[in-house]
C-alpha atoms as a PDB file:
ATOM      1  CA  UNK A   1     -58.791 -96.511  30.333  1.00  0.00           C
ATOM      2  CA  UNK A   2     -61.727 -97.769  28.304  1.00  0.00           C
ATOM      3  CA  UNK A   3     -61.443 -94.637  25.956  1.00  0.00           C
ATOM      4  CA  UNK A   4     -58.093 -95.627  24.506  1.00  0.00           C
ATOM      5  CA  UNK A   5     -57.730 -99.138  22.704  1.00  0.00           C
ATOM      6  CA  UNK A   6     -54.577-100.318  20.859  1.00  0.00           C
ATOM      7  CA  UNK A   7     -55.060-102.173  17.823  1.00  0.00           C
ATOM      8  CA  UNK A   8     -58.750-101.479  16.702  1.00  0.00           C
ATOM      9  CA  UNK A   9     -62.013-100.676  18.191  1.00  0.00           C
ATOM     10  CA  UNK A  10     -63.860-103.954  18.414  1.00  0.00           C
ATOM     11  CA  UNK A  11     -64.596-103.449  22.264  1.00  0.00           C
ATOM     12  CA  UNK A  12     -65.939 -99.994  22.011  1.00  0.00           C
ATOM     13  CA  UNK A  13     -69.576-100.935  21.053  1.00  0.00           C
ATOM     14  CA  UNK A  14     -70.286-103.149  24.247  1.00  0.00           C
ATOM     15  CA  UNK A  15     -71.740-102.539  27.241  1.00  0.00           C
ATOM     16  CA  UNK A  16     -69.021-104.155  29.144  1.00  0.00           C
ATOM     17  CA  UNK A  17     -65.636-104.839  28.182  1.00  0.00           C
ATOM     18  CA  UNK A  18     -64.151-108.433  28.443  1.00  0.00           C
ATOM     19  CA  UNK A  19     -61.650-107.626  30.872  1.00  0.00           C
ATOM     20  CA  UNK A  20     -63.728-105.698  33.093  1.00  0.00           C
ATOM     21  CA  UNK A  21     -66.375-108.737  33.028  1.00  0.00           C
ATOM     22  CA  UNK A  22     -63.354-110.971  34.019  1.00  0.00           C
ATOM     23  CA  UNK A  23     -61.740-109.140  36.597  1.00  0.00           C
ATOM     24  CA  UNK A  24     -65.506-108.075  38.036  1.00  0.00           C
ATOM     25  CA  UNK A  25     -66.083-112.101  38.384  1.00  0.00           C
ATOM     26  CA  UNK A  26     -62.396-113.486  39.194  1.00  0.00           C
ATOM     27  CA  UNK A  27     -62.091-115.414  35.895  1.00  0.00           C
ATOM     28  CA  UNK A  28     -58.718-117.242  35.191  1.00  0.00           C
ATOM     29  CA  UNK A  29     -56.569-116.009  32.427  1.00  0.00           C
ATOM     30  CA  UNK A  30     -58.381-118.976  30.064  1.00  0.00           C
ATOM     31  CA  UNK A  31     -61.738-118.051  30.941  1.00  0.00           C
ATOM     32  CA  UNK A  32     -61.152-114.646  30.353  1.00  0.00           C
ATOM     33  CA  UNK A  33     -59.658-115.357  26.843  1.00  0.00           C
ATOM     34  CA  UNK A  34     -62.634-117.686  26.049  1.00  0.00           C
ATOM     35  CA  UNK A  35     -65.042-114.570  27.034  1.00  0.00           C
ATOM     36  CA  UNK A  36     -62.615-112.260  24.987  1.00  0.00           C
ATOM     37  CA  UNK A  37     -62.566-114.182  21.684  1.00  0.00           C
ATOM     38  CA  UNK A  38     -66.287-115.040  21.661  1.00  0.00           C
ATOM     39  CA  UNK A  39     -67.387-111.409  22.416  1.00  0.00           C
ATOM     40  CA  UNK A  40     -65.210-109.877  19.486  1.00  0.00           C
ATOM     41  CA  UNK A  41     -65.248-112.864  16.944  1.00  0.00           C
ATOM     42  CA  UNK A  42     -68.131-110.769  14.720  1.00  0.00           C
ATOM     43  CA  UNK A  43     -66.281-107.730  14.745  1.00  0.00           C
ATOM     44  CA  UNK A  44     -62.705-108.531  14.607  1.00  0.00           C
ATOM     45  CA  UNK A  45     -61.487-112.265  13.901  1.00  0.00           C
ATOM     46  CA  UNK A  46     -64.382-114.152  12.592  1.00  0.00           C
ATOM     47  CA  UNK A  47     -64.087-117.899  12.504  1.00  0.00           C
ATOM     48  CA  UNK A  48     -60.226-117.520  13.631  1.00  0.00           C
ATOM     49  CA  UNK A  49     -61.475-116.020  16.869  1.00  0.00           C
ATOM     50  CA  UNK A  50     -64.013-118.777  17.686  1.00  0.00           C
ATOM     51  CA  UNK A  51     -61.215-121.450  16.889  1.00  0.00           C
ATOM     52  CA  UNK A  52     -58.803-119.449  19.719  1.00  0.00           C
ATOM     53  CA  UNK A  53     -61.777-119.701  22.133  1.00  0.00           C
ATOM     54  CA  UNK A  54     -61.971-123.337  21.318  1.00  0.00           C
ATOM     55  CA  UNK A  55     -58.341-124.101  21.899  1.00  0.00           C
ATOM     56  CA  UNK A  56     -58.455-121.882  25.289  1.00  0.00           C
ATOM     57  CA  UNK A  57     -61.658-124.221  26.081  1.00  0.00           C
ATOM     58  CA  UNK A  58     -59.788-127.535  25.241  1.00  0.00           C
ATOM     59  CA  UNK A  59     -56.834-126.340  27.068  1.00  0.00           C
ATOM     60  CA  UNK A  60     -59.263-125.784  30.407  1.00  0.00           C
ATOM     61  CA  UNK A  61     -60.737-129.121  29.986  1.00  0.00           C
ATOM     62  CA  UNK A  62     -57.316-130.564  30.015  1.00  0.00           C
ATOM     63  CA  UNK A  63     -56.394-129.639  33.144  1.00  0.00           C
ATOM     64  CA  UNK A  64     -59.821-130.295  34.911  1.00  0.00           C
ATOM     65  CA  UNK A  65     -59.260-133.011  37.463  1.00  0.00           C
ATOM     66  CA  UNK A  66     -61.008-135.791  35.764  1.00  0.00           C
ATOM     67  CA  UNK A  67     -62.470-137.235  39.203  1.00  0.00           C
ATOM     68  CA  UNK A  68     -64.097-133.856  40.041  1.00  0.00           C
ATOM     69  CA  UNK A  69     -67.620-132.761  38.398  1.00  0.00           C
ATOM     70  CA  UNK A  70     -67.211-129.455  40.082  1.00  0.00           C
ATOM     71  CA  UNK A  71     -66.354-126.496  38.221  1.00  0.00           C
ATOM     72  CA  UNK A  72     -64.217-124.827  41.498  1.00  0.00           C
ATOM     73  CA  UNK A  73     -60.913-126.132  40.666  1.00  0.00           C
ATOM     74  CA  UNK A  74     -59.203-123.307  38.766  1.00  0.00           C
END
């Protein structure tokens, strides 16, 4: 499936694609998107992708239980 990419080739030169990393590590949707946007910003979206990653981080922080310092909540 990695030989077929819809909408560009910004993941082709990566040793491991963001979706593979996210799946192999059981990441949430937001965590996977953060990895995706940070991984591709130089070859696709530039600062726009970094802003998308930041937005996902802000969303993740917003759902983090304030009484918990442990990241296993997601």
